[in-house]
Protein backbone atom coordinates (compact mmCIF):
# COMPACT_ATOMS: atom_id res chain seq x y z
CA MET A 1 5.83 140.75 106.35
CA ALA A 2 9.37 140.10 105.16
CA ASP A 3 10.26 143.77 105.76
CA VAL A 4 8.89 143.56 109.29
CA GLY A 5 10.86 140.40 109.92
CA THR A 6 14.05 141.93 108.52
CA PHE A 7 13.59 145.04 110.65
CA ALA A 8 13.03 142.90 113.75
CA LEU A 9 16.14 140.81 113.04
CA ARG A 10 18.26 143.90 112.56
CA GLY A 11 16.89 145.33 115.79
CA ILE A 12 17.80 142.15 117.67
CA MET A 13 21.23 142.17 116.04
CA LEU A 14 21.75 145.78 117.13
CA VAL A 15 20.83 144.89 120.71
CA VAL A 16 23.24 141.94 120.66
CA LEU A 17 26.09 144.10 119.31
CA LEU A 18 25.37 146.84 121.85
CA LEU A 19 25.43 144.27 124.63
CA VAL A 20 28.75 142.93 123.37
CA GLY A 21 30.15 146.45 123.06
CA VAL A 22 29.06 147.39 126.56
CA GLY A 23 30.62 144.14 127.75
CA PHE A 24 34.08 145.51 127.01
CA PHE A 25 33.59 148.02 129.85
CA TRP A 26 30.86 146.62 132.08
CA GLN A 27 29.40 143.26 133.10
CA PRO A 28 26.66 142.58 135.65
CA HIS A 29 29.26 140.80 137.82
CA ASP A 30 32.91 139.85 137.66
CA PRO A 31 32.98 136.92 135.21
CA HIS A 32 36.06 135.49 136.96
CA ALA A 33 34.88 135.80 140.57
CA VAL A 34 34.68 132.37 142.21
CA ASP A 35 32.32 131.95 145.15
CA LEU A 36 31.40 128.36 146.01
CA SER A 37 28.71 129.55 148.42
CA ARG A 38 26.57 130.66 145.46
CA SER A 39 27.35 127.78 143.08
CA LEU A 40 24.62 126.57 140.73
CA GLN A 41 22.13 129.23 141.69
CA ALA A 42 19.03 129.43 139.54
CA PRO A 43 18.40 132.48 137.33
CA SER A 44 17.24 135.49 139.30
CA PHE A 45 17.08 139.27 139.12
CA THR A 46 20.61 139.43 140.55
CA TYR A 47 22.05 136.65 138.39
CA TRP A 48 20.15 136.78 135.10
CA LEU A 49 21.16 133.29 133.94
CA GLY A 50 22.17 131.94 137.32
CA THR A 51 25.66 130.88 138.37
CA ASP A 52 27.90 127.99 137.36
CA HIS A 53 29.50 125.27 139.50
CA LEU A 54 32.12 127.74 140.76
CA GLY A 55 29.62 130.46 141.59
CA ARG A 56 30.55 132.63 138.61
CA ASP A 57 27.84 134.70 136.95
CA LEU A 58 26.83 132.91 133.75
CA ALA A 59 25.42 136.02 132.03
CA SER A 60 28.63 137.98 132.57
CA ARG A 61 30.72 135.13 131.21
CA LEU A 62 28.42 134.86 128.19
CA ILE A 63 28.74 138.59 127.44
CA VAL A 64 32.53 138.57 127.70
CA GLY A 65 32.73 135.34 125.71
CA ALA A 66 31.14 137.01 122.68
CA GLN A 67 34.09 139.36 122.26
CA SER A 68 36.43 136.83 120.65
CA SER A 69 33.78 135.95 118.05
CA VAL A 70 33.00 139.57 117.22
CA PHE A 71 36.71 140.42 116.97
CA ALA A 72 37.34 137.57 114.53
CA ILE A 73 34.26 138.43 112.47
CA ALA A 74 35.26 142.09 112.10
CA ILE A 75 38.77 141.22 110.92
CA VAL A 76 37.54 138.53 108.55
CA LEU A 77 34.85 140.62 106.83
CA VAL A 78 36.96 143.75 106.37
CA SER A 79 40.02 141.86 105.13
CA SER A 80 38.25 139.24 103.00
CA ILE A 81 35.99 141.74 101.24
CA GLY A 82 38.86 144.15 100.61
CA ILE A 83 41.18 141.47 99.24
CA GLY A 84 38.34 139.87 97.28
CA ILE A 85 37.36 143.14 95.59
CA MET A 86 40.93 143.90 94.56
CA ALA A 87 41.57 140.36 93.33
CA GLY A 88 38.22 140.18 91.54
CA SER A 89 38.88 143.46 89.77
CA ALA A 90 42.32 142.26 88.71
CA ILE A 91 40.85 138.99 87.39
CA ALA A 92 38.18 140.83 85.40
CA ILE A 93 40.07 143.82 83.96
CA GLY A 94 43.73 143.19 84.75
CA PRO A 95 46.44 141.90 82.40
CA ARG A 96 45.78 138.39 81.17
CA SER A 97 48.83 136.93 82.92
CA VAL A 98 47.76 138.43 86.25
CA SER A 99 44.14 137.36 85.69
CA VAL A 100 45.08 133.74 84.97
CA ILE A 101 47.36 133.49 88.02
CA LEU A 102 44.84 135.06 90.40
CA ARG A 103 41.97 132.93 89.09
CA TRP A 104 44.06 129.77 89.53
CA LEU A 105 45.06 130.88 93.05
CA ALA A 106 41.47 131.63 94.03
CA GLU A 107 40.21 128.31 92.71
CA THR A 108 43.01 126.50 94.53
CA VAL A 109 42.25 128.30 97.80
CA LEU A 110 38.64 127.11 97.62
CA THR A 111 39.86 123.53 98.10
CA ILE A 112 41.50 124.31 101.47
CA PRO A 113 39.42 123.01 104.45
CA THR A 114 38.97 126.04 106.70
CA PHE A 115 38.77 124.13 109.97
CA VAL A 116 41.85 122.02 109.23
CA PHE A 117 43.80 125.11 108.19
CA ALA A 118 42.76 126.87 111.40
CA LEU A 119 43.96 123.88 113.42
CA VAL A 120 47.34 124.03 111.67
CA LEU A 121 47.70 127.75 112.35
CA ALA A 122 46.66 127.28 115.96
CA ALA A 123 49.26 124.54 116.38
CA LEU A 124 51.99 126.68 114.80
CA PHE A 125 51.24 130.11 116.24
CA GLY A 126 48.91 129.46 119.15
CA GLY A 127 45.14 129.58 119.28
CA GLY A 128 42.84 132.50 119.66
CA SER A 129 40.99 135.00 117.51
CA MET A 130 43.98 136.02 115.40
CA ALA A 131 44.71 132.45 114.27
CA ILE A 132 41.04 131.91 113.48
CA ALA A 133 40.79 135.21 111.60
CA ALA A 134 43.94 134.47 109.61
CA ALA A 135 42.64 131.03 108.62
CA LEU A 136 39.33 132.48 107.48
CA ILE A 137 40.93 135.35 105.55
CA VAL A 138 43.24 132.98 103.65
CA VAL A 139 40.24 130.90 102.57
CA THR A 140 37.35 133.35 102.28
CA TRP A 141 38.74 136.04 99.96
CA ALA A 142 38.51 133.63 97.01
CA PRO A 143 34.68 133.42 96.74
CA TYR A 144 34.47 137.23 96.77
CA ALA A 145 37.08 137.50 94.01
CA LEU A 146 35.57 134.84 91.75
CA SER A 147 31.99 136.04 92.29
CA LEU A 148 32.84 139.66 91.53
CA ALA A 149 34.88 138.69 88.47
CA ALA A 150 31.97 136.61 87.13
CA LEU A 151 29.54 139.44 87.87
CA PHE A 152 31.74 141.93 86.08
CA ASP A 153 32.04 139.68 83.04
CA ARG A 154 28.25 139.37 82.89
CA LEU A 155 27.67 143.10 83.24
CA ARG A 156 30.06 143.94 80.43
CA ALA A 157 27.81 141.96 78.06
CA GLU A 158 24.69 143.95 79.05
CA GLN A 159 23.38 146.71 76.77
CA TYR A 160 23.00 149.21 79.58
CA TRP A 161 26.70 148.79 80.43
CA GLN A 162 27.69 149.49 76.84
CA ALA A 163 25.27 152.44 76.71
CA SER A 164 26.71 153.87 79.92
CA LEU A 165 30.19 153.83 78.43
CA ALA A 166 28.90 155.22 75.12
CA ILE A 167 27.40 158.33 76.71
CA GLY A 168 30.72 159.15 78.33
CA SER A 169 30.24 157.86 81.89
CA GLY A 170 33.66 156.26 81.79
CA LEU A 171 34.69 153.10 83.58
CA PRO A 172 34.54 154.59 87.13
CA GLY A 173 31.06 155.98 86.51
CA ALA A 174 29.78 152.75 85.00
CA LEU A 175 31.24 150.76 87.88
CA HIS A 176 29.55 153.02 90.44
CA ARG A 177 26.22 153.08 88.62
CA HIS A 178 25.91 149.42 87.61
CA LEU A 179 28.49 147.21 89.29
CA LEU A 180 28.11 148.46 92.86
CA PRO A 181 24.30 147.98 93.14
CA ASN A 182 24.62 144.47 91.70
CA THR A 183 27.58 143.69 93.94
CA LEU A 184 25.98 144.42 97.32
CA PRO A 185 23.63 141.38 97.37
CA VAL A 186 26.50 139.09 96.37
CA LEU A 187 28.81 140.54 99.01
CA GLY A 188 26.03 140.35 101.60
CA ALA A 189 25.35 136.68 100.93
CA LEU A 190 29.03 135.78 101.14
CA ALA A 191 29.60 137.98 104.20
CA GLY A 192 26.63 136.41 105.99
CA ALA A 193 28.00 132.92 105.38
CA ASP A 194 31.51 133.93 106.44
CA ALA A 195 30.32 135.67 109.61
CA GLY A 196 28.29 132.66 110.68
CA ARG A 197 31.21 130.38 109.85
CA ALA A 198 33.53 132.52 111.96
CA VAL A 199 31.24 132.23 114.98
CA ILE A 200 31.09 128.44 114.67
CA LEU A 201 34.84 128.17 114.07
CA VAL A 202 35.72 130.29 117.10
CA ALA A 203 33.47 128.14 119.28
CA SER A 204 34.83 124.90 117.78
CA LEU A 205 38.46 125.78 118.45
CA GLY A 206 37.55 127.01 121.91
CA PHE A 207 35.84 123.69 122.60
CA LEU A 208 39.07 121.93 121.61
CA GLY A 209 41.05 124.06 124.03
CA LEU A 210 42.74 126.25 121.39
CA SER A 211 41.61 129.59 122.79
CA ALA A 212 44.30 132.20 123.26
CA ASP A 213 43.63 132.48 126.99
CA THR A 214 42.05 129.49 128.67
CA GLY A 215 41.13 131.65 131.66
CA HIS A 216 39.14 134.06 129.50
CA PRO A 217 35.44 133.23 129.05
CA GLU A 218 34.79 131.96 125.52
CA TRP A 219 31.67 130.21 124.28
CA GLY A 220 33.35 127.07 122.94
CA ALA A 221 35.50 126.73 126.06
CA MET A 222 32.39 127.19 128.20
CA ILE A 223 30.63 124.38 126.31
CA HIS A 224 33.62 122.14 126.98
CA GLU A 225 33.78 123.10 130.66
CA TYR A 226 30.06 122.68 131.29
CA ARG A 227 29.57 119.48 129.28
CA MET A 228 29.57 117.41 132.49
CA PHE A 229 26.44 119.30 133.63
CA LEU A 230 24.44 118.48 130.49
CA PHE A 231 21.82 116.50 132.40
CA SER A 232 22.06 117.92 135.92
CA GLU A 233 22.25 121.66 134.99
CA PRO A 234 21.50 121.85 131.25
CA ARG A 235 21.19 125.67 131.30
CA LEU A 236 24.98 125.93 131.74
CA ILE A 237 25.79 124.28 128.42
CA LEU A 238 22.65 125.44 126.61
CA ALA A 239 23.46 129.12 127.23
CA PRO A 240 26.69 129.22 125.14
CA VAL A 241 25.26 126.78 122.57
CA PHE A 242 22.18 128.96 122.14
CA ALA A 243 24.29 132.15 122.01
CA THR A 244 26.54 130.67 119.31
CA THR A 245 23.56 129.53 117.25
CA VAL A 246 21.66 132.81 117.57
CA LEU A 247 24.66 135.00 116.70
CA ALA A 248 25.53 132.90 113.64
CA PHE A 249 21.89 132.95 112.50
CA LEU A 250 21.44 136.69 113.03
CA LEU A 251 24.65 137.59 111.22
CA ASN A 252 23.71 135.43 108.26
CA ARG A 253 20.21 136.84 108.00
CA VAL A 254 21.14 140.49 108.55
CA LEU A 255 24.07 140.53 106.11
CA ASP A 256 22.41 138.39 103.43
CA ARG A 257 19.75 140.69 101.98
CA ASN A 258 18.38 137.86 99.82
CA ALA A 259 17.75 135.51 102.74
CA ASP A 260 14.12 134.59 103.35
CA VAL A 261 12.79 135.97 106.62
């Protein structure tokens, strides 16, 4: 049952990513087109989620709004995992002076509040996906580094690790045979948490008006804009809220192989 659930989640995630990818080149309607004559239309075959108070197609704006989140997530995961692997390896097998400094730096970084740091970067360099990605990268490489270093220390005490070295596999062979398979679940769990956090952080800063382009559809900015219609037209605010929640949930579940389905 868990395998079926995992397969279904990955299928849904693939559909979401395909929809976001297609959104770079095509949307059902122009997400910026204002037409007051069709304002607040109910969902229909023409307008899948209806229109907002300015007559703009809500589905098109939702599709385009996902791009900033996906962009930030891609940068964060690639950079954080890469930096974390290098730092973790240096902590585990590097010179003692380097190991001590990197471990202290990683532990210090863990105390930095991500959201506050993102706000500072947005104030200094402007909002948008790059500021959000930079804030997450600065904070999120540390758990990867410390987790991998701890995992490596544990593996070196195992008999199969010593046996692998004894039969002449060498350090690269032992790393590939033993460390990599044990690393993937750890990386997946951390990546799932970071991806979900990136989605929420992008939406939060957008809600506060710190998006790079206030005219560009973005889920957090849409929540802020549509908040006045919470009771009269709840679908307007529920659409970006639901999209943010679903994307964060799917990313966490798909990347974290140990998550219960």
